[in-house]
Amino acid sequence: KGREGVAAIDSAGGTVYADSVKGRFTIS
């Protein structure tokens, strides 16, 4: 399978998650 994004965090600490993993993964 292809590589799939799970989560990301920007330079200000803002986070974004794939819809399928919200509430399950935490990026920090």
PDB file of all heavy atoms in Angstrom:
ATOM      1  N   LYS A   1       0.835  -1.185   0.000  1.00  0.00           N
ATOM      2  CA  LYS A   1       0.000   0.000   0.000  1.00  0.00           C
ATOM      3  C   LYS A   1       0.878   1.246   0.000  1.00  0.00           C
ATOM      4  O   LYS A   1       2.058   1.196   0.327  1.00  0.00           O
ATOM      5  CB  LYS A   1      -0.926   0.017   1.213  1.00  0.00           C
ATOM      6  CG  LYS A   1      -1.986  -1.064   1.195  1.00  0.00           C
ATOM      7  CD  LYS A   1      -2.949  -0.897   2.352  1.00  0.00           C
ATOM      8  CE  LYS A   1      -4.050  -1.937   2.310  1.00  0.00           C
ATOM      9  NZ  LYS A   1      -5.003  -1.774   3.433  1.00  0.00           N
ATOM     10  N   GLY A   2       0.264   2.359  -0.370  1.00  0.00           N
ATOM     11  CA  GLY A   2       0.988   3.601  -0.397  1.00  0.00           C
ATOM     12  C   GLY A   2       1.185   4.191   0.984  1.00  0.00           C
ATOM     13  O   GLY A   2       0.549   3.773   1.954  1.00  0.00           O
ATOM     14  N   ARG A   3       2.064   5.157   1.056  1.00  0.00           N
ATOM     15  CA  ARG A   3       2.321   5.826   2.313  1.00  0.00           C
ATOM     16  C   ARG A   3       1.189   6.809   2.618  1.00  0.00           C
ATOM     17  O   ARG A   3       0.809   7.624   1.765  1.00  0.00           O
ATOM     18  CB  ARG A   3       3.663   6.550   2.237  1.00  0.00           C
ATOM     19  CG  ARG A   3       4.260   6.895   3.577  1.00  0.00           C
ATOM     20  CD  ARG A   3       5.744   7.210   3.436  1.00  0.00           C
ATOM     21  NE  ARG A   3       6.510   6.058   2.974  1.00  0.00           N
ATOM     22  CZ  ARG A   3       7.833   6.040   2.857  1.00  0.00           C
ATOM     23  NH1 ARG A   3       8.541   7.121   3.171  1.00  0.00           N
ATOM     24  NH2 ARG A   3       8.438   4.959   2.416  1.00  0.00           N
ATOM     25  N   GLU A   4       0.674   6.741   3.826  1.00  0.00           N
ATOM     26  CA  GLU A   4      -0.495   7.512   4.225  1.00  0.00           C
ATOM     27  C   GLU A   4      -0.178   8.411   5.410  1.00  0.00           C
ATOM     28  O   GLU A   4       0.401   7.972   6.393  1.00  0.00           O
ATOM     29  CB  GLU A   4      -1.633   6.556   4.574  1.00  0.00           C
ATOM     30  CG  GLU A   4      -2.884   7.219   5.098  1.00  0.00           C
ATOM     31  CD  GLU A   4      -3.903   6.218   5.586  1.00  0.00           C
ATOM     32  OE1 GLU A   4      -3.496   5.150   6.094  1.00  0.00           O
ATOM     33  OE2 GLU A   4      -5.118   6.491   5.452  1.00  0.00           O
ATOM     34  N   GLY A   5      -0.607   9.650   5.317  1.00  0.00           N
ATOM     35  CA  GLY A   5      -0.386  10.583   6.407  1.00  0.00           C
ATOM     36  C   GLY A   5      -1.244  10.261   7.614  1.00  0.00           C
ATOM     37  O   GLY A   5      -2.433   9.956   7.485  1.00  0.00           O
ATOM     38  N   VAL A   6      -0.658  10.330   8.785  1.00  0.00           N
ATOM     39  CA  VAL A   6      -1.360  10.098  10.038  1.00  0.00           C
ATOM     40  C   VAL A   6      -1.648  11.424  10.735  1.00  0.00           C
ATOM     41  O   VAL A   6      -2.777  11.707  11.127  1.00  0.00           O
ATOM     42  CB  VAL A   6      -0.552   9.183  10.974  1.00  0.00           C
ATOM     43  CG1 VAL A   6      -1.264   9.018  12.313  1.00  0.00           C
ATOM     44  CG2 VAL A   6      -0.308   7.831  10.319  1.00  0.00           C
ATOM     45  N   ALA A   7      -0.619  12.233  10.885  1.00  0.00           N
ATOM     46  CA  ALA A   7      -0.748  13.504  11.577  1.00  0.00           C
ATOM     47  C   ALA A   7       0.424  14.399  11.247  1.00  0.00           C
ATOM     48  O   ALA A   7       1.462  13.938  10.764  1.00  0.00           O
ATOM     49  CB  ALA A   7      -0.821  13.281  13.091  1.00  0.00           C
ATOM     50  N   ALA A   8       0.260  15.683  11.506  1.00  0.00           N
ATOM     51  CA  ALA A   8       1.337  16.635  11.279  1.00  0.00           C
ATOM     52  C   ALA A   8       1.240  17.767  12.285  1.00  0.00           C
ATOM     53  O   ALA A   8       0.176  18.019  12.861  1.00  0.00           O
ATOM     54  CB  ALA A   8       1.286  17.191   9.853  1.00  0.00           C
ATOM     55  N   ILE A   9       2.350  18.444  12.479  1.00  0.00           N
ATOM     56  CA  ILE A   9       2.404  19.579  13.387  1.00  0.00           C
ATOM     57  C   ILE A   9       3.228  20.681  12.737  1.00  0.00           C
ATOM     58  O   ILE A   9       4.284  20.426  12.163  1.00  0.00           O
ATOM     59  CB  ILE A   9       2.996  19.148  14.756  1.00  0.00           C
ATOM     60  CG1 ILE A   9       2.945  20.306  15.752  1.00  0.00           C
ATOM     61  CG2 ILE A   9       4.412  18.613  14.605  1.00  0.00           C
ATOM     62  CD1 ILE A   9       3.245  19.865  17.182  1.00  0.00           C
ATOM     63  N   ASP A  10       2.729  21.918  12.809  1.00  0.00           N
ATOM     64  CA  ASP A  10       3.427  23.013  12.163  1.00  0.00           C
ATOM     65  C   ASP A  10       4.369  23.723  13.125  1.00  0.00           C
ATOM     66  O   ASP A  10       4.499  23.355  14.292  1.00  0.00           O
ATOM     67  CB  ASP A  10       2.435  23.997  11.520  1.00  0.00           C
ATOM     68  CG  ASP A  10       1.508  24.664  12.526  1.00  0.00           C
ATOM     69  OD1 ASP A  10       1.877  24.813  13.710  1.00  0.00           O
ATOM     70  OD2 ASP A  10       0.394  25.067  12.119  1.00  0.00           O
ATOM     71  N   SER A  11       5.015  24.741  12.626  1.00  0.00           N
ATOM     72  CA  SER A  11       6.027  25.439  13.416  1.00  0.00           C
ATOM     73  C   SER A  11       5.458  26.152  14.633  1.00  0.00           C
ATOM     74  O   SER A  11       6.202  26.472  15.569  1.00  0.00           O
ATOM     75  CB  SER A  11       6.775  26.443  12.532  1.00  0.00           C
ATOM     76  OG  SER A  11       5.889  27.398  11.983  1.00  0.00           O
ATOM     77  N   ALA A  12       4.152  26.412  14.627  1.00  0.00           N
ATOM     78  CA  ALA A  12       3.505  27.068  15.756  1.00  0.00           C
ATOM     79  C   ALA A  12       2.897  26.077  16.734  1.00  0.00           C
ATOM     80  O   ALA A  12       2.278  26.481  17.721  1.00  0.00           O
ATOM     81  CB  ALA A  12       2.423  28.026  15.256  1.00  0.00           C
ATOM     82  N   GLY A  13       3.053  24.802  16.457  1.00  0.00           N
ATOM     83  CA  GLY A  13       2.503  23.784  17.331  1.00  0.00           C
ATOM     84  C   GLY A  13       1.105  23.340  16.970  1.00  0.00           C
ATOM     85  O   GLY A  13       0.520  22.501  17.671  1.00  0.00           O
ATOM     86  N   GLY A  14       0.552  23.886  15.898  1.00  0.00           N
ATOM     87  CA  GLY A  14      -0.759  23.475  15.461  1.00  0.00           C
ATOM     88  C   GLY A  14      -0.725  22.077  14.875  1.00  0.00           C
ATOM     89  O   GLY A  14       0.222  21.717  14.182  1.00  0.00           O
ATOM     90  N   THR A  15      -1.743  21.295  15.139  1.00  0.00           N
ATOM     91  CA  THR A  15      -1.763  19.908  14.700  1.00  0.00           C
ATOM     92  C   THR A  15      -2.917  19.620  13.755  1.00  0.00           C
ATOM     93  O   THR A  15      -3.942  20.304  13.768  1.00  0.00           O
ATOM     94  CB  THR A  15      -1.852  18.949  15.892  1.00  0.00           C
ATOM     95  OG1 THR A  15      -3.045  19.236  16.638  1.00  0.00           O
ATOM     96  CG2 THR A  15      -0.655  19.116  16.808  1.00  0.00           C
ATOM     97  N   VAL A  16      -2.729  18.608  12.948  1.00  0.00           N
ATOM     98  CA  VAL A  16      -3.760  18.154  12.037  1.00  0.00           C
ATOM     99  C   VAL A  16      -3.673  16.640  11.962  1.00  0.00           C
ATOM    100  O   VAL A  16      -2.577  16.071  12.018  1.00  0.00           O
ATOM    101  CB  VAL A  16      -3.599  18.797  10.638  1.00  0.00           C
ATOM    102  CG1 VAL A  16      -2.260  18.422  10.022  1.00  0.00           C
ATOM    103  CG2 VAL A  16      -4.746  18.402   9.723  1.00  0.00           C
ATOM    104  N   TYR A  17      -4.830  15.985  11.847  1.00  0.00           N
ATOM    105  CA  TYR A  17      -4.887  14.540  11.825  1.00  0.00           C
ATOM    106  C   TYR A  17      -5.728  14.053  10.659  1.00  0.00           C
ATOM    107  O   TYR A  17      -6.667  14.724  10.234  1.00  0.00           O
ATOM    108  CB  TYR A  17      -5.497  14.003  13.118  1.00  0.00           C
ATOM    109  CG  TYR A  17      -4.708  14.331  14.355  1.00  0.00           C
ATOM    110  CD1 TYR A  17      -4.928  15.516  15.047  1.00  0.00           C
ATOM    111  CD2 TYR A  17      -3.743  13.457  14.836  1.00  0.00           C
ATOM    112  CE1 TYR A  17      -4.197  15.825  16.183  1.00  0.00           C
ATOM    113  CE2 TYR A  17      -3.009  13.757  15.969  1.00  0.00           C
ATOM    114  CZ  TYR A  17      -3.242  14.938  16.638  1.00  0.00           C
ATOM    115  OH  TYR A  17      -2.517  15.246  17.770  1.00  0.00           O
ATOM    116  N   ALA A  18      -5.386  12.886  10.182  1.00  0.00           N
ATOM    117  CA  ALA A  18      -6.225  12.242   9.189  1.00  0.00           C
ATOM    118  C   ALA A  18      -7.578  11.950   9.823  1.00  0.00           C
ATOM    119  O   ALA A  18      -7.658  11.626  11.014  1.00  0.00           O
ATOM    120  CB  ALA A  18      -5.576  10.946   8.703  1.00  0.00           C
ATOM    121  N   ASP A  19      -8.639  12.071   9.036  1.00  0.00           N
ATOM    122  CA  ASP A  19      -9.983  11.851   9.568  1.00  0.00           C
ATOM    123  C   ASP A  19     -10.125  10.483  10.222  1.00  0.00           C
ATOM    124  O   ASP A  19     -10.844  10.329  11.210  1.00  0.00           O
ATOM    125  CB  ASP A  19     -11.020  11.996   8.459  1.00  0.00           C
ATOM    126  CG  ASP A  19     -11.172  13.425   7.984  1.00  0.00           C
ATOM    127  OD1 ASP A  19     -10.791  14.352   8.726  1.00  0.00           O
ATOM    128  OD2 ASP A  19     -11.679  13.615   6.863  1.00  0.00           O
ATOM    129  N   SER A  20      -9.438   9.511   9.676  1.00  0.00           N
ATOM    130  CA  SER A  20      -9.568   8.154  10.168  1.00  0.00           C
ATOM    131  C   SER A  20      -8.910   7.917  11.520  1.00  0.00           C
ATOM    132  O   SER A  20      -9.174   6.896  12.166  1.00  0.00           O
ATOM    133  CB  SER A  20      -8.985   7.173   9.150  1.00  0.00           C
ATOM    134  OG  SER A  20      -7.603   7.412   8.944  1.00  0.00           O
ATOM    135  N   VAL A  21      -8.076   8.841  11.967  1.00  0.00           N
ATOM    136  CA  VAL A  21      -7.339   8.620  13.214  1.00  0.00           C
ATOM    137  C   VAL A  21      -7.608   9.668  14.287  1.00  0.00           C
ATOM    138  O   VAL A  21      -7.019   9.600  15.370  1.00  0.00           O
ATOM    139  CB  VAL A  21      -5.824   8.547  12.962  1.00  0.00           C
ATOM    140  CG1 VAL A  21      -5.504   7.480  11.932  1.00  0.00           C
ATOM    141  CG2 VAL A  21      -5.276   9.905  12.538  1.00  0.00           C
ATOM    142  N   LYS A  22      -8.486  10.611  14.023  1.00  0.00           N
ATOM    143  CA  LYS A  22      -8.770  11.645  15.015  1.00  0.00           C
ATOM    144  C   LYS A  22      -9.266  11.027  16.316  1.00  0.00           C
ATOM    145  O   LYS A  22     -10.119  10.153  16.318  1.00  0.00           O
ATOM    146  CB  LYS A  22      -9.809  12.620  14.474  1.00  0.00           C
ATOM    147  CG  LYS A  22      -9.263  13.560  13.418  1.00  0.00           C
ATOM    148  CD  LYS A  22     -10.300  14.581  12.983  1.00  0.00           C
ATOM    149  CE  LYS A  22      -9.715  15.564  11.980  1.00  0.00           C
ATOM    150  NZ  LYS A  22     -10.727  16.553  11.521  1.00  0.00           N
ATOM    151  N   GLY A  23      -8.704  11.511  17.397  1.00  0.00           N
ATOM    152  CA  GLY A  23      -9.079  11.011  18.699  1.00  0.00           C
ATOM    153  C   GLY A  23      -8.323   9.772  19.115  1.00  0.00           C
ATOM    154  O   GLY A  23      -8.512   9.274  20.230  1.00  0.00           O
ATOM    155  N   ARG A  24      -7.463   9.277  18.251  1.00  0.00           N
ATOM    156  CA  ARG A  24      -6.720   8.056  18.534  1.00  0.00           C
ATOM    157  C   ARG A  24      -5.220   8.300  18.627  1.00  0.00           C
ATOM    158  O   ARG A  24      -4.552   7.752  19.505  1.00  0.00           O
ATOM    159  CB  ARG A  24      -7.011   7.016  17.451  1.00  0.00           C
ATOM    160  CG  ARG A  24      -8.459   6.552  17.395  1.00  0.00           C
ATOM    161  CD  ARG A  24      -8.754   5.885  16.076  1.00  0.00           C
ATOM    162  NE  ARG A  24      -7.731   4.903  15.727  1.00  0.00           N
ATOM    163  CZ  ARG A  24      -7.528   4.438  14.502  1.00  0.00           C
ATOM    164  NH1 ARG A  24      -8.278   4.877  13.495  1.00  0.00           N
ATOM    165  NH2 ARG A  24      -6.581   3.543  14.282  1.00  0.00           N
ATOM    166  N   PHE A  25      -4.694   9.099  17.722  1.00  0.00           N
ATOM    167  CA  PHE A  25      -3.280   9.432  17.723  1.00  0.00           C
ATOM    168  C   PHE A  25      -3.070  10.853  18.225  1.00  0.00           C
ATOM    169  O   PHE A  25      -3.926  11.720  18.046  1.00  0.00           O
ATOM    170  CB  PHE A  25      -2.680   9.317  16.319  1.00  0.00           C
ATOM    171  CG  PHE A  25      -2.452   7.913  15.852  1.00  0.00           C
ATOM    172  CD1 PHE A  25      -3.423   7.241  15.128  1.00  0.00           C
ATOM    173  CD2 PHE A  25      -1.259   7.266  16.126  1.00  0.00           C
ATOM    174  CE1 PHE A  25      -3.214   5.949  14.685  1.00  0.00           C
ATOM    175  CE2 PHE A  25      -1.035   5.975  15.686  1.00  0.00           C
ATOM    176  CZ  PHE A  25      -2.005   5.310  14.967  1.00  0.00           C
ATOM    177  N   THR A  26      -1.918  11.070  18.812  1.00  0.00           N
ATOM    178  CA  THR A  26      -1.533  12.395  19.250  1.00  0.00           C
ATOM    179  C   THR A  26      -0.120  12.683  18.778  1.00  0.00           C
ATOM    180  O   THR A  26       0.799  11.912  19.053  1.00  0.00           O
ATOM    181  CB  THR A  26      -1.590  12.530  20.781  1.00  0.00           C
ATOM    182  OG1 THR A  26      -2.920  12.281  21.244  1.00  0.00           O
ATOM    183  CG2 THR A  26      -1.186  13.943  21.197  1.00  0.00           C
ATOM    184  N   ILE A  27       0.042  13.774  18.061  1.00  0.00           N
ATOM    185  CA  ILE A  27       1.363  14.190  17.620  1.00  0.00           C
ATOM    186  C   ILE A  27       1.819  15.341  18.506  1.00  0.00           C
ATOM    187  O   ILE A  27       1.033  16.203  18.881  1.00  0.00           O
ATOM    188  CB  ILE A  27       1.354  14.606  16.129  1.00  0.00           C
ATOM    189  CG1 ILE A  27       2.778  14.858  15.632  1.00  0.00           C
ATOM    190  CG2 ILE A  27       0.476  15.830  15.907  1.00  0.00           C
ATOM    191  CD1 ILE A  27       2.868  15.046  14.117  1.00  0.00           C
ATOM    192  N   SER A  28       3.076  15.348  18.844  1.00  0.00           N
ATOM    193  CA  SER A  28       3.619  16.400  19.693  1.00  0.00           C
ATOM    194  C   SER A  28       5.104  16.549  19.423  1.00  0.00           C
ATOM    195  O   SER A  28       5.711  15.727  18.728  1.00  0.00           O
ATOM    196  CB  SER A  28       3.371  16.096  21.176  1.00  0.00           C
ATOM    197  OG  SER A  28       4.020  14.892  21.560  1.00  0.00           O
TER     198      SER A  28
END
